[in-house]
């Protein structure tokens, strides 16, 4: 059965419409199932402004249904995936509330640092949630992380990227910045826990300098831990 939203027998007069090119202001005709169209005046290709990508953001058959997905939708799929990963990690950890809390804090710290360092936010947040899921296993296979991402039907390139980050393979697929962001978020989380155990603040300052190498990471850590 074809998706009703894409089946022409369910269409009405609004199925064909004109949109304004965001680059030159020219009129571009769209069919409701077009994901993108190229402006005949300036050649700029842009996303269908009226298309509802809601189901395509999580549907594993979106590529077959809609054709080549625009970059905007690919990003939307990854953004939705990171939220599903957060839920899956909570389920995986069950009643280990300490580990759940650490994963959530690590992801929050990673997001703050990533916003300045301009890393891949979806990959960084997913890696932050999964950072120590396979800690006891060691190595680079990361069975629990890979199984969780595969179950969520994450695309293979993203799975490989995330696993490269959490296995500390900084040279693979240009992940050095992303790996560093997650590693620094993990250090901040560890130092945060150390402070809760009444560690000497002067020692925390020394550890920030020792463990966190980027200026933004150090700045964030000091603002959070030494306020």
N, C-alpha and C. Protein backbone atom coordinates (compact mmCIF):
# COMPACT_ATOMS: atom_id res chain seq x y z
N UNK A 1 0.84 -1.20 0.00
CA UNK A 1 0.00 0.00 0.00
C UNK A 1 0.87 1.24 0.00
N UNK A 2 0.55 2.19 -0.88
CA UNK A 2 1.33 3.42 -0.94
C UNK A 2 0.91 4.36 0.18
N UNK A 3 1.89 5.10 0.69
CA UNK A 3 1.60 6.09 1.73
C UNK A 3 0.52 7.05 1.21
N UNK A 4 -0.62 7.23 1.92
CA UNK A 4 -1.70 8.09 1.44
C UNK A 4 -1.24 9.51 1.12
N UNK A 5 -0.30 10.00 1.89
CA UNK A 5 0.18 11.36 1.64
C UNK A 5 0.88 11.52 0.31
N UNK A 6 1.38 10.40 -0.25
CA UNK A 6 2.10 10.47 -1.53
C UNK A 6 1.27 9.89 -2.68
N UNK A 7 0.06 9.38 -2.41
CA UNK A 7 -0.77 8.77 -3.43
C UNK A 7 -1.65 9.84 -4.09
N UNK A 8 -1.52 10.01 -5.41
CA UNK A 8 -2.20 11.10 -6.11
C UNK A 8 -3.72 11.00 -6.04
N UNK A 9 -4.28 9.81 -5.79
CA UNK A 9 -5.74 9.69 -5.75
C UNK A 9 -6.34 10.42 -4.54
N UNK A 10 -5.50 10.75 -3.56
CA UNK A 10 -5.97 11.48 -2.39
C UNK A 10 -5.70 12.99 -2.52
N UNK A 11 -5.13 13.43 -3.64
CA UNK A 11 -4.77 14.84 -3.79
C UNK A 11 -5.99 15.68 -4.17
N UNK A 12 -5.88 16.99 -3.89
CA UNK A 12 -6.90 17.95 -4.32
C UNK A 12 -6.21 19.11 -5.04
N UNK A 13 -6.93 20.21 -5.21
CA UNK A 13 -6.40 21.33 -6.00
C UNK A 13 -5.15 21.95 -5.38
N UNK A 14 -4.97 21.76 -4.09
CA UNK A 14 -3.80 22.36 -3.43
C UNK A 14 -2.53 21.55 -3.63
N UNK A 15 -2.63 20.43 -4.37
CA UNK A 15 -1.47 19.55 -4.55
C UNK A 15 -0.39 20.18 -5.43
N UNK A 16 -0.78 21.18 -6.24
CA UNK A 16 0.19 21.91 -7.08
C UNK A 16 0.13 23.38 -6.67
N UNK A 17 1.28 23.95 -6.37
CA UNK A 17 1.30 25.33 -5.88
C UNK A 17 2.60 26.00 -6.27
N UNK A 18 2.66 27.30 -6.10
CA UNK A 18 3.88 28.06 -6.38
C UNK A 18 4.51 28.51 -5.07
N UNK A 19 5.84 28.44 -5.03
CA UNK A 19 6.60 28.92 -3.87
C UNK A 19 7.59 29.97 -4.34
N UNK A 20 7.97 30.84 -3.45
CA UNK A 20 8.92 31.91 -3.78
C UNK A 20 10.34 31.42 -3.54
N UNK A 21 11.21 31.56 -4.52
CA UNK A 21 12.60 31.18 -4.36
C UNK A 21 13.25 32.07 -3.28
N UNK A 22 13.84 31.48 -2.26
CA UNK A 22 14.43 32.28 -1.18
C UNK A 22 15.67 33.05 -1.62
N UNK A 23 16.21 32.72 -2.78
CA UNK A 23 17.43 33.39 -3.23
C UNK A 23 17.14 34.59 -4.13
N UNK A 24 16.23 34.41 -5.12
CA UNK A 24 16.00 35.50 -6.07
C UNK A 24 14.57 36.02 -6.07
N UNK A 25 13.66 35.33 -5.37
CA UNK A 25 12.27 35.78 -5.32
C UNK A 25 11.41 35.31 -6.47
N UNK A 26 11.96 34.48 -7.35
CA UNK A 26 11.20 33.98 -8.48
C UNK A 26 10.16 32.96 -8.07
N UNK A 27 9.16 32.75 -8.92
CA UNK A 27 8.10 31.77 -8.63
C UNK A 27 8.54 30.39 -9.11
N UNK A 28 8.38 29.39 -8.23
CA UNK A 28 8.76 28.01 -8.55
C UNK A 28 7.56 27.12 -8.29
N UNK A 29 7.16 26.34 -9.31
CA UNK A 29 6.02 25.45 -9.16
C UNK A 29 6.42 24.15 -8.47
N UNK A 30 5.65 23.76 -7.48
CA UNK A 30 5.89 22.52 -6.73
C UNK A 30 4.67 21.61 -6.84
N UNK A 31 4.93 20.30 -6.95
CA UNK A 31 3.92 19.30 -6.64
C UNK A 31 4.09 18.97 -5.17
N UNK A 32 3.03 18.60 -4.49
CA UNK A 32 3.10 18.42 -3.04
C UNK A 32 4.09 17.34 -2.62
N UNK A 33 4.41 16.37 -3.54
CA UNK A 33 5.34 15.32 -3.16
C UNK A 33 6.77 15.59 -3.60
N UNK A 34 7.03 16.79 -4.16
CA UNK A 34 8.41 17.16 -4.50
C UNK A 34 9.16 17.47 -3.21
N UNK A 35 10.31 16.84 -2.99
CA UNK A 35 11.11 17.20 -1.82
C UNK A 35 11.87 18.49 -2.06
N UNK A 36 12.37 18.68 -3.28
CA UNK A 36 13.07 19.92 -3.65
C UNK A 36 12.72 20.28 -5.09
N UNK A 37 12.94 21.54 -5.45
CA UNK A 37 12.81 22.00 -6.83
C UNK A 37 13.88 23.05 -7.09
N UNK A 38 14.29 23.14 -8.38
CA UNK A 38 15.28 24.13 -8.77
C UNK A 38 14.58 25.34 -9.38
N UNK A 39 15.01 26.51 -8.96
CA UNK A 39 14.45 27.75 -9.49
C UNK A 39 14.89 27.91 -10.94
N UNK A 40 13.92 28.16 -11.84
CA UNK A 40 14.24 28.34 -13.25
C UNK A 40 14.95 29.65 -13.54
N UNK A 41 14.84 30.60 -12.62
CA UNK A 41 15.47 31.91 -12.85
C UNK A 41 16.94 31.93 -12.43
N UNK A 42 17.23 31.44 -11.21
CA UNK A 42 18.61 31.54 -10.71
C UNK A 42 19.31 30.20 -10.51
N UNK A 43 18.55 29.09 -10.63
CA UNK A 43 19.17 27.78 -10.48
C UNK A 43 19.29 27.28 -9.06
N UNK A 44 18.82 28.06 -8.09
CA UNK A 44 18.91 27.65 -6.68
C UNK A 44 17.91 26.53 -6.39
N UNK A 45 18.36 25.45 -5.77
CA UNK A 45 17.48 24.35 -5.38
C UNK A 45 17.13 24.49 -3.91
N UNK A 46 15.84 24.39 -3.59
CA UNK A 46 15.43 24.53 -2.19
C UNK A 46 14.33 23.53 -1.84
N UNK A 47 14.15 23.34 -0.54
CA UNK A 47 13.21 22.34 -0.02
C UNK A 47 11.78 22.83 -0.17
N UNK A 48 10.88 21.89 -0.48
CA UNK A 48 9.46 22.16 -0.57
C UNK A 48 8.96 22.77 0.75
N UNK A 49 8.54 24.04 0.76
CA UNK A 49 8.17 24.69 2.02
C UNK A 49 6.88 24.17 2.64
N UNK A 50 6.07 23.44 1.86
CA UNK A 50 4.80 22.95 2.38
C UNK A 50 4.82 21.46 2.69
N UNK A 51 5.94 20.82 2.46
CA UNK A 51 5.96 19.38 2.64
C UNK A 51 6.14 19.02 4.12
N UNK A 52 5.34 18.09 4.59
CA UNK A 52 5.43 17.63 5.98
C UNK A 52 6.40 16.47 6.04
N UNK A 53 7.59 16.71 6.62
CA UNK A 53 8.60 15.67 6.71
C UNK A 53 8.51 14.90 8.02
N UNK A 54 7.40 15.07 8.74
CA UNK A 54 7.31 14.46 10.07
C UNK A 54 7.57 12.97 10.07
N UNK A 55 6.84 12.21 9.23
CA UNK A 55 7.02 10.76 9.23
C UNK A 55 8.37 10.38 8.65
N UNK A 56 8.85 11.15 7.66
CA UNK A 56 10.13 10.82 7.02
C UNK A 56 11.30 10.99 7.96
N UNK A 57 11.11 11.76 9.04
CA UNK A 57 12.20 11.99 9.97
C UNK A 57 12.57 10.73 10.73
N UNK A 58 11.64 9.77 10.81
CA UNK A 58 11.96 8.53 11.52
C UNK A 58 11.71 7.27 10.70
N UNK A 59 11.03 7.37 9.55
CA UNK A 59 10.68 6.19 8.78
C UNK A 59 11.89 5.62 8.06
N UNK A 60 12.12 4.32 8.20
CA UNK A 60 13.28 3.70 7.57
C UNK A 60 13.13 3.61 6.05
N UNK A 61 11.90 3.80 5.53
CA UNK A 61 11.67 3.71 4.10
C UNK A 61 11.55 5.10 3.45
N UNK A 62 11.96 6.13 4.17
CA UNK A 62 11.78 7.49 3.67
C UNK A 62 12.49 7.72 2.34
N UNK A 63 13.70 7.15 2.20
CA UNK A 63 14.44 7.35 0.96
C UNK A 63 13.69 6.78 -0.24
N UNK A 64 13.09 5.57 -0.08
CA UNK A 64 12.34 4.96 -1.17
C UNK A 64 11.06 5.74 -1.44
N UNK A 65 10.44 6.26 -0.40
CA UNK A 65 9.16 6.95 -0.54
C UNK A 65 9.33 8.33 -1.16
N UNK A 66 10.36 9.06 -0.72
CA UNK A 66 10.51 10.46 -1.10
C UNK A 66 11.66 10.71 -2.05
N UNK A 67 12.42 9.69 -2.37
CA UNK A 67 13.58 9.91 -3.23
C UNK A 67 14.76 10.38 -2.42
N UNK A 68 15.74 11.03 -3.06
CA UNK A 68 16.91 11.53 -2.35
C UNK A 68 16.48 12.58 -1.33
N UNK A 69 16.85 12.35 -0.08
CA UNK A 69 16.44 13.26 0.97
C UNK A 69 17.32 14.51 0.98
N UNK A 70 16.73 15.68 1.14
CA UNK A 70 17.53 16.91 1.21
C UNK A 70 18.33 16.95 2.50
N UNK A 71 19.44 17.71 2.49
CA UNK A 71 20.29 17.78 3.70
C UNK A 71 19.52 18.20 4.94
N UNK A 72 18.53 19.07 4.78
CA UNK A 72 17.75 19.53 5.93
C UNK A 72 17.02 18.37 6.60
N UNK A 73 16.51 17.45 5.79
CA UNK A 73 15.80 16.31 6.36
C UNK A 73 16.74 15.31 6.98
N UNK A 74 17.91 15.12 6.37
CA UNK A 74 18.92 14.24 6.95
C UNK A 74 19.28 14.73 8.35
N UNK A 75 19.48 16.05 8.49
CA UNK A 75 19.80 16.63 9.79
C UNK A 75 18.66 16.42 10.77
N UNK A 76 17.41 16.55 10.27
CA UNK A 76 16.24 16.36 11.13
C UNK A 76 16.16 14.92 11.62
N UNK A 77 16.48 13.96 10.74
CA UNK A 77 16.47 12.55 11.13
C UNK A 77 17.48 12.29 12.24
N UNK A 78 18.68 12.90 12.12
CA UNK A 78 19.71 12.70 13.13
C UNK A 78 19.34 13.37 14.44
N UNK A 79 18.70 14.55 14.36
CA UNK A 79 18.28 15.24 15.58
C UNK A 79 17.24 14.42 16.33
N UNK A 80 16.31 13.81 15.59
CA UNK A 80 15.31 12.98 16.23
C UNK A 80 15.95 11.73 16.82
N UNK A 81 16.95 11.19 16.13
CA UNK A 81 17.62 9.98 16.59
C UNK A 81 18.29 10.20 17.94
N UNK A 82 18.92 11.35 18.15
CA UNK A 82 19.61 11.57 19.42
C UNK A 82 18.64 11.54 20.60
N UNK A 83 17.41 12.02 20.38
CA UNK A 83 16.42 11.95 21.45
C UNK A 83 16.01 10.51 21.72
N UNK A 84 15.90 9.71 20.67
CA UNK A 84 15.55 8.30 20.83
C UNK A 84 16.69 7.54 21.52
N UNK A 85 17.93 7.94 21.22
CA UNK A 85 19.08 7.31 21.88
C UNK A 85 19.03 7.58 23.39
N UNK A 86 18.71 8.81 23.77
CA UNK A 86 18.63 9.15 25.19
C UNK A 86 17.63 8.25 25.91
N UNK A 87 16.48 8.02 25.29
CA UNK A 87 15.46 7.16 25.88
C UNK A 87 15.94 5.71 25.94
N UNK A 88 16.59 5.26 24.85
CA UNK A 88 17.07 3.88 24.79
C UNK A 88 18.15 3.61 25.84
N UNK A 89 19.01 4.61 26.09
CA UNK A 89 20.06 4.45 27.09
C UNK A 89 19.44 4.32 28.48
N UNK A 90 18.41 5.10 28.75
CA UNK A 90 17.73 4.99 30.04
C UNK A 90 17.14 3.60 30.23
N UNK A 91 16.56 3.07 29.16
CA UNK A 91 15.98 1.73 29.24
C UNK A 91 17.08 0.69 29.44
N UNK A 92 18.20 0.87 28.74
CA UNK A 92 19.30 -0.08 28.82
C UNK A 92 19.88 -0.11 30.24
N UNK A 93 19.99 1.06 30.86
CA UNK A 93 20.60 1.15 32.19
C UNK A 93 19.62 0.81 33.32
N UNK A 94 18.34 0.72 32.98
CA UNK A 94 17.29 0.28 33.91
C UNK A 94 17.29 1.12 35.19
N UNK A 95 17.63 0.52 36.32
CA UNK A 95 17.55 1.22 37.60
C UNK A 95 18.88 1.82 38.05
N UNK A 96 19.86 1.88 37.15
CA UNK A 96 21.14 2.49 37.50
C UNK A 96 21.02 3.99 37.32
N UNK A 97 20.36 4.63 38.29
CA UNK A 97 20.03 6.04 38.17
C UNK A 97 21.28 6.92 38.17
N UNK A 98 22.33 6.47 38.83
CA UNK A 98 23.58 7.23 38.84
C UNK A 98 24.16 7.29 37.42
N UNK A 99 24.19 6.16 36.74
CA UNK A 99 24.72 6.12 35.37
C UNK A 99 23.83 6.91 34.42
N UNK A 100 22.52 6.84 34.61
CA UNK A 100 21.59 7.60 33.78
C UNK A 100 21.83 9.09 33.95
N UNK A 101 22.00 9.50 35.21
CA UNK A 101 22.26 10.91 35.48
C UNK A 101 23.57 11.40 34.88
N UNK A 102 24.60 10.55 34.98
CA UNK A 102 25.90 10.91 34.40
C UNK A 102 25.79 11.05 32.87
N UNK A 103 25.08 10.15 32.23
CA UNK A 103 24.92 10.22 30.77
C UNK A 103 24.20 11.50 30.37
N UNK A 104 23.16 11.85 31.10
CA UNK A 104 22.39 13.06 30.78
C UNK A 104 23.24 14.31 30.99
N UNK A 105 24.00 14.35 32.09
CA UNK A 105 24.86 15.51 32.35
C UNK A 105 25.98 15.61 31.32
N UNK A 106 26.56 14.47 30.97
CA UNK A 106 27.63 14.44 29.97
C UNK A 106 27.12 14.98 28.63
N UNK A 107 25.91 14.59 28.25
CA UNK A 107 25.33 15.08 27.00
C UNK A 107 25.06 16.58 27.08
N UNK A 108 24.60 17.04 28.22
CA UNK A 108 24.32 18.47 28.39
C UNK A 108 25.61 19.28 28.29
N UNK A 109 26.68 18.79 28.92
CA UNK A 109 27.97 19.50 28.83
C UNK A 109 28.49 19.47 27.40
N UNK A 110 28.35 18.33 26.73
CA UNK A 110 28.83 18.20 25.35
C UNK A 110 28.11 19.17 24.43
N UNK A 111 26.81 19.33 24.66
CA UNK A 111 26.04 20.26 23.81
C UNK A 111 26.53 21.69 23.98
N UNK A 112 26.81 22.11 25.22
CA UNK A 112 27.28 23.47 25.46
C UNK A 112 28.62 23.71 24.78
N UNK A 113 29.54 22.77 24.90
CA UNK A 113 30.86 22.93 24.29
C UNK A 113 30.76 22.87 22.77
N UNK A 114 29.92 21.96 22.27
CA UNK A 114 29.78 21.76 20.83
C UNK A 114 29.23 23.00 20.13
N UNK A 115 28.36 23.73 20.80
CA UNK A 115 27.77 24.91 20.20
C UNK A 115 28.83 25.95 19.84
N UNK A 116 29.91 25.98 20.59
CA UNK A 116 31.00 26.93 20.31
C UNK A 116 32.05 26.32 19.40
N UNK A 117 32.37 25.05 19.63
CA UNK A 117 33.41 24.38 18.85
C UNK A 117 32.95 23.95 17.46
N UNK A 118 31.64 24.08 17.19
CA UNK A 118 31.08 23.78 15.86
C UNK A 118 31.30 22.33 15.44
N UNK A 119 31.07 21.39 16.36
CA UNK A 119 31.15 19.99 15.99
C UNK A 119 29.85 19.49 15.40
N UNK A 120 29.80 18.20 15.11
CA UNK A 120 28.58 17.56 14.61
C UNK A 120 27.69 17.28 15.82
N UNK A 121 26.68 18.12 16.03
CA UNK A 121 25.91 18.06 17.27
C UNK A 121 25.22 16.72 17.48
N UNK A 122 24.61 16.18 16.42
CA UNK A 122 23.90 14.90 16.58
C UNK A 122 24.87 13.80 16.98
N UNK A 123 26.00 13.69 16.27
CA UNK A 123 26.98 12.65 16.57
C UNK A 123 27.56 12.85 17.97
N UNK A 124 27.83 14.10 18.34
CA UNK A 124 28.41 14.40 19.65
C UNK A 124 27.46 14.00 20.77
N UNK A 125 26.19 14.35 20.65
CA UNK A 125 25.24 14.04 21.72
C UNK A 125 24.98 12.54 21.83
N UNK A 126 24.87 11.87 20.68
CA UNK A 126 24.69 10.42 20.72
C UNK A 126 25.89 9.75 21.38
N UNK A 127 27.10 10.19 20.98
CA UNK A 127 28.32 9.63 21.57
C UNK A 127 28.41 9.93 23.06
N UNK A 128 27.95 11.11 23.46
CA UNK A 128 27.99 11.46 24.88
C UNK A 128 27.09 10.53 25.71
N UNK A 129 25.93 10.22 25.19
CA UNK A 129 25.03 9.29 25.89
C UNK A 129 25.62 7.88 25.96
N UNK A 130 26.34 7.48 24.90
CA UNK A 130 26.86 6.12 24.81
C UNK A 130 28.31 5.98 25.27
N UNK A 131 28.91 7.04 25.74
CA UNK A 131 30.34 7.14 26.00
C UNK A 131 30.90 5.98 26.81
N UNK A 132 30.24 5.61 27.89
CA UNK A 132 30.77 4.54 28.74
C UNK A 132 29.85 3.31 28.79
N UNK A 133 28.99 3.17 27.77
CA UNK A 133 28.08 2.03 27.74
C UNK A 133 28.83 0.71 27.63
N UNK A 134 29.95 0.73 26.89
CA UNK A 134 30.77 -0.48 26.70
C UNK A 134 32.09 -0.38 27.44
N UNK A 135 32.12 0.40 28.50
CA UNK A 135 33.38 0.68 29.20
C UNK A 135 34.07 -0.60 29.65
N UNK A 136 33.31 -1.57 30.14
CA UNK A 136 33.91 -2.80 30.64
C UNK A 136 34.44 -3.68 29.52
N UNK A 137 33.84 -3.53 28.33
CA UNK A 137 34.22 -4.41 27.22
C UNK A 137 35.59 -4.06 26.65
N UNK A 138 35.90 -2.77 26.57
CA UNK A 138 37.17 -2.35 25.99
C UNK A 138 37.19 -2.57 24.49
N UNK A 139 38.28 -2.25 23.85
CA UNK A 139 38.41 -2.47 22.41
C UNK A 139 37.61 -1.47 21.61
N UNK A 140 37.41 -1.79 20.33
CA UNK A 140 36.75 -0.84 19.43
C UNK A 140 35.44 -1.37 18.87
N UNK A 141 35.04 -2.60 19.23
CA UNK A 141 33.82 -3.17 18.64
C UNK A 141 32.55 -2.55 19.24
N UNK A 142 32.57 -2.26 20.53
CA UNK A 142 31.47 -1.60 21.21
C UNK A 142 30.13 -2.29 20.94
N UNK A 143 29.98 -3.54 21.36
CA UNK A 143 28.77 -4.30 21.02
C UNK A 143 27.47 -3.67 21.50
N UNK A 144 27.46 -3.15 22.72
CA UNK A 144 26.22 -2.59 23.25
C UNK A 144 25.82 -1.33 22.50
N UNK A 145 26.78 -0.45 22.24
CA UNK A 145 26.48 0.79 21.52
C UNK A 145 26.01 0.50 20.10
N UNK A 146 26.72 -0.39 19.42
CA UNK A 146 26.33 -0.73 18.04
C UNK A 146 24.96 -1.40 17.99
N UNK A 147 24.69 -2.28 18.93
CA UNK A 147 23.40 -2.96 18.95
C UNK A 147 22.27 -1.97 19.21
N UNK A 148 22.49 -1.03 20.12
CA UNK A 148 21.46 -0.04 20.43
C UNK A 148 21.17 0.82 19.21
N UNK A 149 22.22 1.30 18.54
CA UNK A 149 22.03 2.16 17.36
C UNK A 149 21.42 1.38 16.20
N UNK A 150 21.81 0.13 16.05
CA UNK A 150 21.23 -0.70 14.98
C UNK A 150 19.75 -0.94 15.23
N UNK A 151 19.39 -1.15 16.49
CA UNK A 151 17.98 -1.37 16.83
C UNK A 151 17.15 -0.13 16.52
N UNK A 152 17.75 1.04 16.66
CA UNK A 152 17.05 2.29 16.35
C UNK A 152 17.12 2.63 14.86
N UNK A 153 17.74 1.73 14.08
CA UNK A 153 17.87 1.88 12.63
C UNK A 153 18.62 3.16 12.25
N UNK A 154 19.66 3.45 13.00
CA UNK A 154 20.54 4.57 12.66
C UNK A 154 21.29 4.23 11.38
N UNK A 155 21.56 5.22 10.52
CA UNK A 155 22.32 4.94 9.30
C UNK A 155 23.73 4.48 9.63
N UNK A 156 24.25 3.56 8.83
CA UNK A 156 25.56 2.97 9.09
C UNK A 156 26.67 4.01 9.22
N UNK A 157 26.74 5.03 8.33
CA UNK A 157 27.81 6.04 8.49
C UNK A 157 27.77 6.73 9.84
N UNK A 158 26.57 7.01 10.35
CA UNK A 158 26.45 7.66 11.65
C UNK A 158 26.88 6.71 12.77
N UNK A 159 26.49 5.44 12.65
CA UNK A 159 26.92 4.45 13.65
C UNK A 159 28.44 4.38 13.70
N UNK A 160 29.07 4.32 12.53
CA UNK A 160 30.53 4.24 12.47
C UNK A 160 31.17 5.50 13.06
N UNK A 161 30.58 6.65 12.77
CA UNK A 161 31.13 7.91 13.28
C UNK A 161 31.04 7.97 14.80
N UNK A 162 29.88 7.61 15.33
CA UNK A 162 29.68 7.64 16.79
C UNK A 162 30.62 6.64 17.47
N UNK A 163 30.73 5.44 16.91
CA UNK A 163 31.59 4.42 17.52
C UNK A 163 33.06 4.82 17.44
N UNK A 164 33.45 5.53 16.38
CA UNK A 164 34.82 6.03 16.29
C UNK A 164 35.09 7.05 17.39
N UNK A 165 34.10 7.87 17.69
CA UNK A 165 34.24 8.87 18.76
C UNK A 165 34.40 8.19 20.11
N UNK A 166 33.50 7.26 20.43
CA UNK A 166 33.51 6.68 21.78
C UNK A 166 34.59 5.63 21.95
N UNK A 167 35.20 5.17 20.84
CA UNK A 167 36.33 4.24 20.97
C UNK A 167 37.65 5.00 20.95
N UNK A 168 37.56 6.33 20.95
CA UNK A 168 38.74 7.22 21.01
C UNK A 168 39.59 7.14 19.75
N UNK A 169 39.01 6.80 18.59
CA UNK A 169 39.73 6.78 17.33
C UNK A 169 39.63 8.16 16.70
N UNK A 170 40.41 9.08 17.19
CA UNK A 170 40.26 10.48 16.80
C UNK A 170 40.60 10.73 15.34
N UNK A 171 41.40 9.88 14.73
CA UNK A 171 41.82 10.14 13.35
C UNK A 171 40.82 9.62 12.32
N UNK A 172 39.84 8.83 12.75
CA UNK A 172 38.93 8.19 11.80
C UNK A 172 37.82 9.14 11.38
N UNK A 173 37.64 9.29 10.07
CA UNK A 173 36.54 10.07 9.50
C UNK A 173 36.50 11.51 10.00
N UNK A 174 37.65 12.08 10.29
CA UNK A 174 37.69 13.47 10.70
C UNK A 174 36.98 13.75 12.01
N UNK A 175 37.03 12.82 12.95
CA UNK A 175 36.27 12.94 14.19
C UNK A 175 37.05 13.58 15.33
N UNK A 176 38.23 14.14 15.05
CA UNK A 176 39.08 14.64 16.13
C UNK A 176 38.35 15.66 16.98
N UNK A 177 37.71 16.65 16.37
CA UNK A 177 37.01 17.68 17.13
C UNK A 177 35.85 17.10 17.91
N UNK A 178 35.05 16.26 17.27
CA UNK A 178 33.89 15.67 17.94
C UNK A 178 34.32 14.80 19.12
N UNK A 179 35.38 14.00 18.93
CA UNK A 179 35.87 13.15 20.02
C UNK A 179 36.37 14.00 21.18
N UNK A 180 37.05 15.08 20.86
CA UNK A 180 37.59 15.95 21.91
C UNK A 180 36.46 16.60 22.70
N UNK A 181 35.40 17.01 22.01
CA UNK A 181 34.26 17.63 22.68
C UNK A 181 33.64 16.65 23.68
N UNK A 182 33.41 15.41 23.25
CA UNK A 182 32.78 14.43 24.14
C UNK A 182 33.72 14.05 25.28
N UNK A 183 35.01 13.92 24.98
CA UNK A 183 35.99 13.60 26.02
C UNK A 183 36.02 14.69 27.08
N UNK A 184 35.99 15.94 26.65
CA UNK A 184 36.02 17.05 27.61
C UNK A 184 34.73 17.10 28.43
N UNK A 185 33.60 16.79 27.77
CA UNK A 185 32.34 16.73 28.52
C UNK A 185 32.39 15.63 29.56
N UNK A 186 33.03 14.52 29.23
CA UNK A 186 33.18 13.41 30.18
C UNK A 186 34.06 13.84 31.35
N UNK A 187 35.14 14.57 31.06
CA UNK A 187 36.01 15.06 32.13
C UNK A 187 35.26 16.03 33.05
N UNK A 188 34.46 16.91 32.46
CA UNK A 188 33.68 17.85 33.26
C UNK A 188 32.73 17.09 34.18
N UNK A 189 32.11 16.05 33.66
CA UNK A 189 31.20 15.23 34.47
C UNK A 189 31.94 14.58 35.63
N UNK A 190 33.14 14.05 35.36
CA UNK A 190 33.95 13.44 36.42
C UNK A 190 34.33 14.46 37.49
N UNK A 191 34.73 15.65 37.05
CA UNK A 191 35.13 16.69 38.00
C UNK A 191 33.92 17.18 38.81
N UNK A 192 32.77 17.21 38.15
CA UNK A 192 31.54 17.58 38.83
C UNK A 192 31.24 16.60 39.97
N UNK A 193 31.43 15.32 39.69
CA UNK A 193 31.22 14.30 40.72
C UNK A 193 32.26 14.42 41.83
N UNK A 194 33.49 14.77 41.45
CA UNK A 194 34.55 14.92 42.46
C UNK A 194 34.23 16.06 43.42
N UNK A 195 33.67 17.14 42.90
CA UNK A 195 33.30 18.27 43.75
C UNK A 195 32.21 17.88 44.74
N UNK A 196 31.30 17.03 44.30
CA UNK A 196 30.23 16.58 45.19
C UNK A 196 30.78 15.78 46.37
N UNK A 197 31.99 15.22 46.17
CA UNK A 197 32.62 14.43 47.22
C UNK A 197 33.59 15.29 48.04
N UNK A 198 33.40 16.61 47.98
CA UNK A 198 34.18 17.56 48.78
C UNK A 198 35.65 17.61 48.40
N UNK A 199 35.94 17.52 47.11
CA UNK A 199 37.32 17.67 46.65
C UNK A 199 37.76 19.12 46.81
N UNK A 200 39.06 19.30 46.96
CA UNK A 200 39.63 20.63 47.11
C UNK A 200 39.46 21.41 45.80
N UNK A 201 38.78 22.58 45.83
CA UNK A 201 38.58 23.36 44.60
C UNK A 201 39.87 23.70 43.88
N UNK A 202 40.96 23.88 44.63
CA UNK A 202 42.24 24.21 43.98
C UNK A 202 42.73 23.03 43.15
N UNK A 203 42.44 21.82 43.60
CA UNK A 203 42.79 20.64 42.84
C UNK A 203 41.93 20.53 41.57
N UNK A 204 40.68 20.97 41.66
CA UNK A 204 39.79 20.96 40.50
C UNK A 204 40.34 21.88 39.41
N UNK A 205 40.82 23.06 39.82
CA UNK A 205 41.40 24.00 38.86
C UNK A 205 42.59 23.38 38.15
N UNK A 206 43.43 22.70 38.91
CA UNK A 206 44.59 22.05 38.33
C UNK A 206 44.19 20.95 37.35
N UNK A 207 43.15 20.20 37.71
CA UNK A 207 42.69 19.12 36.83
C UNK A 207 42.02 19.65 35.57
N UNK A 208 41.32 20.76 35.70
CA UNK A 208 40.74 21.38 34.51
C UNK A 208 41.84 21.71 33.51
N UNK A 209 42.90 22.32 34.00
CA UNK A 209 44.02 22.70 33.14
C UNK A 209 44.71 21.46 32.55
N UNK A 210 44.77 20.42 33.31
CA UNK A 210 45.46 19.20 32.86
C UNK A 210 44.62 18.37 31.88
N UNK A 211 43.34 18.24 32.16
CA UNK A 211 42.50 17.32 31.40
C UNK A 211 41.81 17.95 30.19
N UNK A 212 41.51 19.23 30.28
CA UNK A 212 40.72 19.89 29.23
C UNK A 212 41.63 20.83 28.45
N UNK A 213 41.72 20.59 27.16
CA UNK A 213 42.74 21.29 26.36
C UNK A 213 42.21 22.50 25.58
N UNK A 214 40.92 22.52 25.25
CA UNK A 214 40.42 23.64 24.46
C UNK A 214 40.07 24.81 25.37
N UNK A 215 40.22 26.01 24.84
CA UNK A 215 39.91 27.21 25.62
C UNK A 215 38.44 27.25 26.01
N UNK A 216 37.57 26.87 25.09
CA UNK A 216 36.13 26.89 25.38
C UNK A 216 35.78 25.85 26.43
N UNK A 217 36.39 24.66 26.34
CA UNK A 217 36.13 23.62 27.33
C UNK A 217 36.58 24.05 28.71
N UNK A 218 37.75 24.68 28.81
CA UNK A 218 38.25 25.16 30.11
C UNK A 218 37.36 26.26 30.66
N UNK A 219 36.95 27.15 29.77
CA UNK A 219 36.08 28.25 30.20
C UNK A 219 34.76 27.71 30.74
N UNK A 220 34.17 26.78 30.02
CA UNK A 220 32.90 26.19 30.45
C UNK A 220 33.06 25.47 31.79
N UNK A 221 34.16 24.68 31.91
CA UNK A 221 34.39 23.93 33.14
C UNK A 221 34.56 24.86 34.34
N UNK A 222 35.30 25.94 34.16
CA UNK A 222 35.50 26.88 35.29
C UNK A 222 34.20 27.55 35.68
N UNK A 223 33.40 27.96 34.67
CA UNK A 223 32.13 28.62 34.97
C UNK A 223 31.19 27.68 35.72
N UNK A 224 31.24 26.40 35.36
CA UNK A 224 30.34 25.44 35.98
C UNK A 224 30.81 24.98 37.34
N UNK A 225 32.13 24.73 37.46
CA UNK A 225 32.65 24.06 38.65
C UNK A 225 33.23 25.00 39.70
N UNK A 226 33.68 26.17 39.27
CA UNK A 226 34.35 27.07 40.22
C UNK A 226 33.60 28.36 40.44
N UNK A 227 32.30 28.33 40.25
CA UNK A 227 31.49 29.54 40.43
C UNK A 227 31.33 29.86 41.92
